[in-house]
N, C-alpha and C. Protein backbone atom coordinates (compact mmCIF):
# COMPACT_ATOMS: atom_id res chain seq x y z
N MET A 1 107.15 137.68 73.90
CA MET A 1 106.91 137.83 75.70
C MET A 1 108.39 138.13 75.45
N ALA A 2 108.71 139.06 76.92
CA ALA A 2 109.51 139.44 77.31
C ALA A 2 110.52 138.66 78.95
N ARG A 3 111.34 138.52 79.34
CA ARG A 3 112.15 138.52 80.75
C ARG A 3 111.76 139.00 81.33
N VAL A 4 111.14 139.73 82.27
CA VAL A 4 112.06 140.30 83.78
C VAL A 4 112.73 139.43 84.63
N VAL A 5 113.96 140.45 85.33
CA VAL A 5 114.57 139.61 86.40
C VAL A 5 114.01 140.73 87.34
N VAL A 6 113.50 140.93 89.15
CA VAL A 6 112.60 140.99 89.61
C VAL A 6 114.49 141.35 91.43
N ASP A 7 114.91 142.23 90.98
CA ASP A 7 115.93 141.42 92.22
C ASP A 7 115.82 142.88 93.36
N VAL A 8 115.04 141.83 94.46
CA VAL A 8 114.45 142.88 96.14
C VAL A 8 115.40 142.71 97.45
N MET A 9 116.02 143.76 97.32
CA MET A 9 117.39 143.75 98.68
C MET A 9 116.43 144.29 100.22
N PRO A 10 117.75 144.46 100.98
CA PRO A 10 116.88 145.25 102.35
C PRO A 10 117.16 146.60 102.21
N LYS A 11 116.51 147.58 102.37
CA LYS A 11 117.49 148.67 102.69
C LYS A 11 119.18 148.75 103.12
N PRO A 12 120.09 149.44 103.24
CA PRO A 12 121.11 149.27 103.55
C PRO A 12 121.35 149.29 105.52
N GLU A 13 119.97 150.66 105.37
CA GLU A 13 120.42 150.88 107.14
C GLU A 13 118.48 149.54 107.83
N ILE A 14 118.21 148.66 106.62
CA ILE A 14 117.39 147.54 107.38
C ILE A 14 118.90 146.16 108.23
N LEU A 15 117.92 145.89 109.25
CA LEU A 15 118.90 145.04 109.94
C LEU A 15 119.02 144.05 109.59
N ASP A 16 119.43 143.05 108.71
CA ASP A 16 119.34 142.22 108.26
C ASP A 16 119.52 140.34 108.60
N VAL A 17 118.77 139.72 109.14
CA VAL A 17 118.43 138.84 110.64
C VAL A 17 119.18 137.61 109.88
N GLN A 18 118.59 137.30 108.75
CA GLN A 18 119.13 136.74 107.85
C GLN A 18 120.27 136.61 107.56
N GLY A 19 120.84 137.40 107.36
CA GLY A 19 121.90 137.40 106.70
C GLY A 19 123.27 137.57 107.55
N GLN A 20 122.77 137.97 109.10
CA GLN A 20 123.86 137.83 109.83
C GLN A 20 123.75 136.22 110.52
N ALA A 21 122.77 135.78 109.75
CA ALA A 21 122.52 134.05 110.96
C ALA A 21 123.21 133.36 109.48
N VAL A 22 123.72 133.99 109.21
CA VAL A 22 124.12 132.96 107.71
C VAL A 22 125.83 133.21 107.81
N THR A 23 126.21 134.77 108.14
CA THR A 23 127.48 134.93 108.14
C THR A 23 128.07 134.23 109.58
N ARG A 24 127.14 134.08 110.28
CA ARG A 24 127.71 133.27 111.88
C ARG A 24 127.57 131.66 110.93
N ALA A 25 126.95 131.33 110.27
CA ALA A 25 126.97 129.50 110.28
C ALA A 25 128.20 129.79 109.09
N LEU A 26 128.77 130.25 108.51
CA LEU A 26 129.34 130.15 107.41
C LEU A 26 131.25 130.44 108.26
N ASP A 27 131.08 130.92 109.43
CA ASP A 27 132.50 130.31 110.48
C ASP A 27 132.34 129.86 111.52
N ARG A 28 130.36 129.15 111.66
CA ARG A 28 130.74 127.42 112.67
C ARG A 28 130.92 127.06 111.62
N ILE A 29 131.44 126.85 109.98
CA ILE A 29 131.33 125.53 109.34
C ILE A 29 132.23 125.75 108.68
N GLY A 30 133.73 126.94 109.46
CA GLY A 30 134.92 126.87 109.38
C GLY A 30 135.45 127.55 107.59
N VAL A 31 134.56 128.27 106.72
CA VAL A 31 134.40 128.96 105.51
C VAL A 31 135.06 130.68 106.42
N SER A 32 136.29 131.24 106.17
CA SER A 32 136.25 132.33 106.62
C SER A 32 136.65 133.29 105.59
N GLY A 33 137.07 134.38 105.97
CA GLY A 33 137.08 135.24 104.66
C GLY A 33 135.40 135.98 104.49
N VAL A 34 134.94 135.82 104.47
CA VAL A 34 133.52 135.76 104.54
C VAL A 34 132.83 136.96 105.79
N SER A 35 132.71 138.51 105.63
CA SER A 35 132.28 139.53 106.63
C SER A 35 131.36 139.81 106.79
N GLY A 36 130.74 139.42 105.76
CA GLY A 36 128.76 140.16 105.68
C GLY A 36 128.10 138.96 104.38
N VAL A 37 127.16 138.62 104.80
CA VAL A 37 125.76 139.02 104.15
C VAL A 37 124.25 139.02 103.70
N ARG A 38 123.66 139.14 102.87
CA ARG A 38 122.56 140.37 102.87
C ARG A 38 121.77 139.69 102.06
N GLN A 39 120.79 139.03 102.53
CA GLN A 39 119.70 138.33 101.40
C GLN A 39 119.13 138.47 101.49
N GLY A 40 118.39 138.44 100.02
CA GLY A 40 117.34 139.17 99.52
C GLY A 40 116.29 138.35 98.39
N LYS A 41 115.66 138.86 97.55
CA LYS A 41 114.36 138.06 96.90
C LYS A 41 115.38 137.57 95.43
N HIS A 42 115.03 137.02 94.59
CA HIS A 42 115.13 137.04 93.57
C HIS A 42 113.71 136.57 92.08
N PHE A 43 113.28 137.70 91.58
CA PHE A 43 111.76 137.43 90.84
C PHE A 43 111.94 137.11 89.89
N GLU A 44 111.55 136.04 88.23
CA GLU A 44 111.26 136.02 86.93
C GLU A 44 110.37 136.09 86.40
N LEU A 45 109.88 137.01 85.91
CA LEU A 45 108.40 136.96 85.17
C LEU A 45 108.24 136.85 83.41
N GLU A 46 108.08 136.31 82.93
CA GLU A 46 107.66 135.91 82.05
C GLU A 46 106.19 136.84 81.93
N VAL A 47 106.26 138.15 80.71
CA VAL A 47 105.13 139.66 80.59
C VAL A 47 105.38 139.31 79.11
N SER A 48 104.20 139.76 78.98
CA SER A 48 104.14 140.15 77.23
C SER A 48 104.69 142.13 77.20
N ASP A 49 105.05 141.89 75.42
CA ASP A 49 105.99 142.38 75.52
C ASP A 49 105.47 143.93 75.93
N GLY A 50 104.19 144.53 76.03
CA GLY A 50 103.57 145.03 75.59
C GLY A 50 103.44 146.52 77.03
N ILE A 51 103.88 145.87 78.16
CA ILE A 51 104.35 145.91 79.72
C ILE A 51 105.09 146.30 79.60
N ASP A 52 104.81 148.60 80.28
CA ASP A 52 106.41 149.35 80.12
C ASP A 52 106.63 149.01 81.81
N ASP A 53 107.63 150.58 81.67
CA ASP A 53 108.78 149.94 82.44
C ASP A 53 108.44 151.00 83.50
N GLU A 54 107.44 151.51 83.25
CA GLU A 54 106.76 151.94 84.85
C GLU A 54 105.54 151.55 85.12
N THR A 55 105.12 150.64 84.88
CA THR A 55 104.00 149.05 85.07
C THR A 55 104.82 148.33 86.03
N LEU A 56 105.90 147.62 84.78
CA LEU A 56 106.87 146.43 85.98
C LEU A 56 107.43 147.59 87.46
N HIS A 57 108.30 148.41 87.68
CA HIS A 57 108.10 148.57 88.47
C HIS A 57 107.24 149.06 89.47
N ARG A 58 106.13 149.71 89.38
CA ARG A 58 104.54 149.68 90.17
C ARG A 58 104.32 148.17 90.51
N LEU A 59 104.54 146.98 90.24
CA LEU A 59 104.44 145.68 90.62
C LEU A 59 105.12 145.65 91.09
N ALA A 60 106.87 145.69 91.36
CA ALA A 60 107.38 145.26 91.92
C ALA A 60 107.28 146.27 93.65
N GLY A 61 106.79 147.35 93.64
CA GLY A 61 107.28 147.79 94.03
C GLY A 61 105.57 147.63 95.41
N SER A 62 104.74 147.64 94.53
CA SER A 62 103.69 146.75 95.53
C SER A 62 102.94 146.02 95.20
N LEU A 63 103.78 145.27 95.22
CA LEU A 63 103.13 143.21 95.10
C LEU A 63 104.95 142.86 95.79
N LEU A 64 106.02 142.37 94.99
CA LEU A 64 107.09 142.10 95.55
C LEU A 64 107.86 142.60 96.38
N ALA A 65 107.86 143.78 96.79
CA ALA A 65 108.94 144.28 97.45
C ALA A 65 108.00 145.18 98.61
N ASN A 66 108.99 145.22 100.26
CA ASN A 66 107.70 146.25 100.60
C ASN A 66 109.11 147.61 100.58
N PRO A 67 107.91 148.60 99.94
CA PRO A 67 109.25 150.27 99.77
C PRO A 67 109.42 150.44 100.49
N VAL A 68 109.25 150.31 102.37
CA VAL A 68 109.49 150.54 103.31
C VAL A 68 110.39 150.52 103.67
N ILE A 69 111.41 148.91 103.50
CA ILE A 69 112.71 148.63 104.54
C ILE A 69 113.26 147.95 102.82
N GLU A 70 113.35 147.98 101.83
CA GLU A 70 113.04 147.21 100.04
C GLU A 70 113.29 148.18 99.59
N ASP A 71 114.63 147.95 98.92
CA ASP A 71 114.86 148.37 97.71
C ASP A 71 115.25 147.16 96.33
N TRP A 72 114.37 147.60 95.17
CA TRP A 72 114.23 147.01 94.14
C TRP A 72 114.75 147.21 92.97
N THR A 73 115.18 146.60 92.13
CA THR A 73 116.14 146.72 90.77
C THR A 73 114.48 145.51 89.79
N VAL A 74 114.42 146.14 88.00
CA VAL A 74 113.82 145.05 87.17
C VAL A 74 114.66 145.90 86.49
N THR A 75 114.70 144.57 86.21
CA THR A 75 116.10 144.23 84.73
C THR A 75 115.17 143.75 83.90
N ARG A 76 114.85 143.74 82.15
CA ARG A 76 114.59 143.16 80.74
C ARG A 76 115.21 142.67 80.48
N LEU A 77 115.57 141.41 80.60
CA LEU A 77 116.50 140.58 79.77
C LEU A 77 116.01 140.45 78.16
């Protein structure tokens, strides 16, 4: 079995409302020095060694991410 990490983030041109809310909340609780937050998703998968990288990227793009508004990276550990 192999361990795979898929990180999904909003594309840079997409407004990240959740990240903006976190940024404002940090300011309200007195944390300074953070000028921006982008919030994404992190997935950890255990897959058989026979699954190739192309299949993993296709899986991520069709099931874990919305390719219209999100970018993703797939990393084998």
